[in-house]
Each structure stands twice: as structure tokens, then as C-alpha cells.
């Protein structure tokens, strides 16, 4: 699928993902800074990926791990700093949660600092969520 807004294009086409650019964007985040390129390449193969572009320049990325029936984990939502504050993140997340493989599922994400932002999309904090940590990721 693809969505357009002004001169921006959001796509779930896996061929649109620029691995080098995705790795670069993620390496500038607190959660993705330790991910080697090989890990990024591997996760792209097993995720439903969303690429945000202006013309042919990738300026954003997000991904989802889903069974398309009951559960979706939305992760790695990132927009290049120069493009933030333009409503692109909201638009991107709106498109993702309405995607046919994600919309009917329970959606989960993890954030350290954007709780109030995601609450606008219907996410609530849940004390029942448990996780493990993986060294180097």
C-alpha cells in the first residue's frame, strides 16, 4: 500500500526501504543506537516496514511485527529531525494503525518518553507488559 500527503509518500513496499538510510536513522535514536547494520537487515526481512519519503529521499521509517489477526508490535518509528513538527509522525502513525494487517489487532508499542503522544492514538499504559533485554540491541 501507499499513501501520499503533499510531496511525501508512505509505503509498505519492502523494496522502498533503504537499508543504509534506515540504519542511519535508527543509529541516531536511544533505542537503536547499538544495532549493527546486520541486525537491521535481518529485522527488515521479518517485519512489515513503512518507509516515509520526500521524492526519492527516505526521511522516515517504522515497522510492525504482526500476525495480522490478534497482535501487532509497532516499533522503530523515526522521522529525520529536519522534518519533525510538520505532522508527518501523526500522519504516518494514522496510516500504520489503519493498515489492513494491523487495524484488527491489539496494537502494542514501547516508549520511554512519548506516552502522552501515543495516548492520542488510543494507546494506554499497561502494567501487565513484561519484557526481556537483549545485549547489544
C-alpha atoms as a PDB file:
ATOM      1  CA  UNK A   1       0.000   0.000   0.000  1.00  0.00           C
ATOM      2  CA  UNK A   2       0.995   3.597  -0.349  1.00  0.00           C
ATOM      3  CA  UNK A   3      -0.284   6.892   0.962  1.00  0.00           C
ATOM      4  CA  UNK A   4       0.568  10.407  -0.158  1.00  0.00           C
ATOM      5  CA  UNK A   5       0.403  13.765   1.540  1.00  0.00           C
ATOM      6  CA  UNK A   6       1.695  16.899  -0.166  1.00  0.00           C
ATOM      7  CA  UNK A   7       5.084  15.812  -1.567  1.00  0.00           C
ATOM      8  CA  UNK A   8       5.521  12.916   0.899  1.00  0.00           C
ATOM      9  CA  UNK A   9       4.954   9.235   0.231  1.00  0.00           C
ATOM     10  CA  UNK A  10       4.496   6.491   2.808  1.00  0.00           C
ATOM     11  CA  UNK A  11       4.807   2.940   1.537  1.00  0.00           C
ATOM     12  CA  UNK A  12       4.764  -0.589   2.902  1.00  0.00           C
ATOM     13  CA  UNK A  13       6.617  -1.825  -0.194  1.00  0.00           C
ATOM     14  CA  UNK A  14       9.720  -3.644   1.117  1.00  0.00           C
ATOM     15  CA  UNK A  15      11.688  -2.641  -1.974  1.00  0.00           C
ATOM     16  CA  UNK A  16      11.392   1.020  -0.934  1.00  0.00           C
ATOM     17  CA  UNK A  17      13.412   0.512   2.264  1.00  0.00           C
ATOM     18  CA  UNK A  18      16.925   1.904   2.006  1.00  0.00           C
ATOM     19  CA  UNK A  19      18.875  -0.267   4.453  1.00  0.00           C
ATOM     20  CA  UNK A  20      21.738   2.194   4.824  1.00  0.00           C
ATOM     21  CA  UNK A  21      19.390   5.113   5.492  1.00  0.00           C
ATOM     22  CA  UNK A  22      17.240   3.062   7.882  1.00  0.00           C
ATOM     23  CA  UNK A  23      20.323   2.009   9.838  1.00  0.00           C
ATOM     24  CA  UNK A  24      21.489   5.632   9.937  1.00  0.00           C
ATOM     25  CA  UNK A  25      18.116   6.908  11.215  1.00  0.00           C
ATOM     26  CA  UNK A  26      17.917   4.215  13.885  1.00  0.00           C
ATOM     27  CA  UNK A  27      21.518   4.768  14.984  1.00  0.00           C
ATOM     28  CA  UNK A  28      20.514   8.314  15.955  1.00  0.00           C
ATOM     29  CA  UNK A  29      17.893   7.081  18.456  1.00  0.00           C
ATOM     30  CA  UNK A  30      18.309   5.993  22.065  1.00  0.00           C
ATOM     31  CA  UNK A  31      16.745   2.610  21.298  1.00  0.00           C
ATOM     32  CA  UNK A  32      18.534   1.780  18.045  1.00  0.00           C
ATOM     33  CA  UNK A  33      21.986   3.227  18.613  1.00  0.00           C
ATOM     34  CA  UNK A  34      23.536  -0.179  19.388  1.00  0.00           C
ATOM     35  CA  UNK A  35      22.006  -2.110  16.487  1.00  0.00           C
ATOM     36  CA  UNK A  36      24.565  -3.239  13.964  1.00  0.00           C
ATOM     37  CA  UNK A  37      23.637  -2.993  10.301  1.00  0.00           C
ATOM     38  CA  UNK A  38      23.395  -6.790  10.100  1.00  0.00           C
ATOM     39  CA  UNK A  39      20.631  -6.745  12.739  1.00  0.00           C
ATOM     40  CA  UNK A  40      18.757  -4.009  10.872  1.00  0.00           C
ATOM     41  CA  UNK A  41      18.999  -6.030   7.648  1.00  0.00           C
ATOM     42  CA  UNK A  42      17.651  -9.138   9.394  1.00  0.00           C
ATOM     43  CA  UNK A  43      14.737  -7.373  11.111  1.00  0.00           C
ATOM     44  CA  UNK A  44      13.638  -5.797   7.837  1.00  0.00           C
ATOM     45  CA  UNK A  45      13.110  -9.264   6.382  1.00  0.00           C
ATOM     46  CA  UNK A  46      10.674 -10.309   9.098  1.00  0.00           C
ATOM     47  CA  UNK A  47       8.751  -7.071   9.672  1.00  0.00           C
ATOM     48  CA  UNK A  48       6.064  -5.125   7.885  1.00  0.00           C
ATOM     49  CA  UNK A  49       8.071  -1.991   7.107  1.00  0.00           C
ATOM     50  CA  UNK A  50       6.906   1.524   6.340  1.00  0.00           C
ATOM     51  CA  UNK A  51       9.126   3.971   4.502  1.00  0.00           C
ATOM     52  CA  UNK A  52       8.452   7.705   4.526  1.00  0.00           C
ATOM     53  CA  UNK A  53       9.992   9.581   1.621  1.00  0.00           C
ATOM     54  CA  UNK A  54      10.134  13.042   0.157  1.00  0.00           C
ATOM     55  CA  UNK A  55      10.670  12.495  -3.537  1.00  0.00           C
ATOM     56  CA  UNK A  56      13.172   9.603  -3.505  1.00  0.00           C
ATOM     57  CA  UNK A  57      14.826  10.650  -0.220  1.00  0.00           C
ATOM     58  CA  UNK A  58      13.920   8.377   2.722  1.00  0.00           C
ATOM     59  CA  UNK A  59      13.171  10.646   5.678  1.00  0.00           C
ATOM     60  CA  UNK A  60      11.376   8.234   7.980  1.00  0.00           C
ATOM     61  CA  UNK A  61      10.791   4.638   8.904  1.00  0.00           C
ATOM     62  CA  UNK A  62       8.607   2.436  11.074  1.00  0.00           C
ATOM     63  CA  UNK A  63       7.944  -1.258  11.294  1.00  0.00           C
ATOM     64  CA  UNK A  64       5.473  -3.679  12.712  1.00  0.00           C
ATOM     65  CA  UNK A  65       5.727  -7.296  13.765  1.00  0.00           C
ATOM     66  CA  UNK A  66       2.275  -8.783  13.429  1.00  0.00           C
ATOM     67  CA  UNK A  67       0.300 -11.968  12.986  1.00  0.00           C
ATOM     68  CA  UNK A  68      -2.336  -9.810  11.203  1.00  0.00           C
ATOM     69  CA  UNK A  69      -5.075 -11.439  13.309  1.00  0.00           C
ATOM     70  CA  UNK A  70      -4.644 -10.709  17.018  1.00  0.00           C
ATOM     71  CA  UNK A  71      -1.423  -8.849  17.763  1.00  0.00           C
ATOM     72  CA  UNK A  72       0.858  -6.149  16.334  1.00  0.00           C
ATOM     73  CA  UNK A  73       4.018  -4.701  17.833  1.00  0.00           C
ATOM     74  CA  UNK A  74       4.721  -1.277  16.329  1.00  0.00           C
ATOM     75  CA  UNK A  75       8.363  -0.303  16.581  1.00  0.00           C
ATOM     76  CA  UNK A  76      11.159   1.927  15.386  1.00  0.00           C
ATOM     77  CA  UNK A  77       9.059   4.944  14.438  1.00  0.00           C
ATOM     78  CA  UNK A  78      11.543   7.593  13.378  1.00  0.00           C
ATOM     79  CA  UNK A  79      11.498  10.753  11.288  1.00  0.00           C
ATOM     80  CA  UNK A  80      14.586  12.720  10.324  1.00  0.00           C
ATOM     81  CA  UNK A  81      14.884  15.677  12.741  1.00  0.00           C
ATOM     82  CA  UNK A  82      14.616  18.329   9.995  1.00  0.00           C
ATOM     83  CA  UNK A  83      11.140  17.006   9.101  1.00  0.00           C
ATOM     84  CA  UNK A  84       9.690  16.829  12.598  1.00  0.00           C
ATOM     85  CA  UNK A  85       6.940  19.210  13.670  1.00  0.00           C
ATOM     86  CA  UNK A  86       5.150  19.009  10.306  1.00  0.00           C
ATOM     87  CA  UNK A  87       2.533  16.452  11.328  1.00  0.00           C
ATOM     88  CA  UNK A  88       4.291  13.657   9.453  1.00  0.00           C
ATOM     89  CA  UNK A  89       4.625  11.407  12.506  1.00  0.00           C
ATOM     90  CA  UNK A  90       0.917  11.675  13.260  1.00  0.00           C
ATOM     91  CA  UNK A  91       0.036  11.010   9.626  1.00  0.00           C
ATOM     92  CA  UNK A  92       2.440   8.078   9.490  1.00  0.00           C
ATOM     93  CA  UNK A  93       1.044   6.506  12.662  1.00  0.00           C
ATOM     94  CA  UNK A  94      -2.541   7.055  11.463  1.00  0.00           C
ATOM     95  CA  UNK A  95      -1.720   5.158   8.263  1.00  0.00           C
ATOM     96  CA  UNK A  96       0.056   2.369  10.148  1.00  0.00           C
ATOM     97  CA  UNK A  97      -2.727   1.698  12.668  1.00  0.00           C
ATOM     98  CA  UNK A  98      -5.304   1.707   9.850  1.00  0.00           C
ATOM     99  CA  UNK A  99      -3.289  -0.712   7.674  1.00  0.00           C
ATOM    100  CA  UNK A 100      -5.437  -3.812   6.930  1.00  0.00           C
ATOM    101  CA  UNK A 101      -2.876  -6.141   8.564  1.00  0.00           C
ATOM    102  CA  UNK A 102      -2.696  -4.025  11.716  1.00  0.00           C
ATOM    103  CA  UNK A 103      -6.132  -2.416  12.176  1.00  0.00           C
ATOM    104  CA  UNK A 104      -7.967  -5.518  13.510  1.00  0.00           C
ATOM    105  CA  UNK A 105      -5.233  -6.399  16.003  1.00  0.00           C
ATOM    106  CA  UNK A 106      -4.281  -5.365  19.511  1.00  0.00           C
ATOM    107  CA  UNK A 107      -1.505  -2.845  18.983  1.00  0.00           C
ATOM    108  CA  UNK A 108       1.435  -2.531  21.355  1.00  0.00           C
ATOM    109  CA  UNK A 109       4.473  -0.288  21.386  1.00  0.00           C
ATOM    110  CA  UNK A 110       7.153   0.678  23.833  1.00  0.00           C
ATOM    111  CA  UNK A 111       8.297   4.194  24.627  1.00  0.00           C
ATOM    112  CA  UNK A 112      10.425   5.794  27.287  1.00  0.00           C
ATOM    113  CA  UNK A 113       9.339   9.382  26.755  1.00  0.00           C
ATOM    114  CA  UNK A 114       6.314   9.782  24.456  1.00  0.00           C
ATOM    115  CA  UNK A 115       3.429   8.341  26.464  1.00  0.00           C
ATOM    116  CA  UNK A 116       1.133  11.350  26.049  1.00  0.00           C
ATOM    117  CA  UNK A 117       1.799  11.426  22.302  1.00  0.00           C
ATOM    118  CA  UNK A 118       0.742   7.795  21.802  1.00  0.00           C
ATOM    119  CA  UNK A 119      -2.269   8.160  24.095  1.00  0.00           C
ATOM    120  CA  UNK A 120      -3.761  10.388  21.368  1.00  0.00           C
ATOM    121  CA  UNK A 121      -3.855   7.263  19.179  1.00  0.00           C
ATOM    122  CA  UNK A 122      -5.643   5.154  21.792  1.00  0.00           C
ATOM    123  CA  UNK A 123      -2.602   3.583  23.432  1.00  0.00           C
ATOM    124  CA  UNK A 124      -2.718   3.269  27.215  1.00  0.00           C
ATOM    125  CA  UNK A 125      -0.025   2.390  29.689  1.00  0.00           C
ATOM    126  CA  UNK A 126      -0.290  -1.186  30.838  1.00  0.00           C
ATOM    127  CA  UNK A 127       1.396  -2.551  33.943  1.00  0.00           C
ATOM    128  CA  UNK A 128       0.968  -6.107  32.635  1.00  0.00           C
ATOM    129  CA  UNK A 129       3.574  -5.769  29.873  1.00  0.00           C
ATOM    130  CA  UNK A 130       6.771  -7.634  30.616  1.00  0.00           C
ATOM    131  CA  UNK A 131       9.908  -7.838  28.505  1.00  0.00           C
ATOM    132  CA  UNK A 132      13.463  -9.075  28.429  1.00  0.00           C
ATOM    133  CA  UNK A 133      16.526  -7.194  27.315  1.00  0.00           C
ATOM    134  CA  UNK A 134      18.942  -8.415  24.681  1.00  0.00           C
ATOM    135  CA  UNK A 135      22.582  -7.407  24.969  1.00  0.00           C
ATOM    136  CA  UNK A 136      23.815  -5.335  22.071  1.00  0.00           C
ATOM    137  CA  UNK A 137      20.390  -4.500  20.674  1.00  0.00           C
END
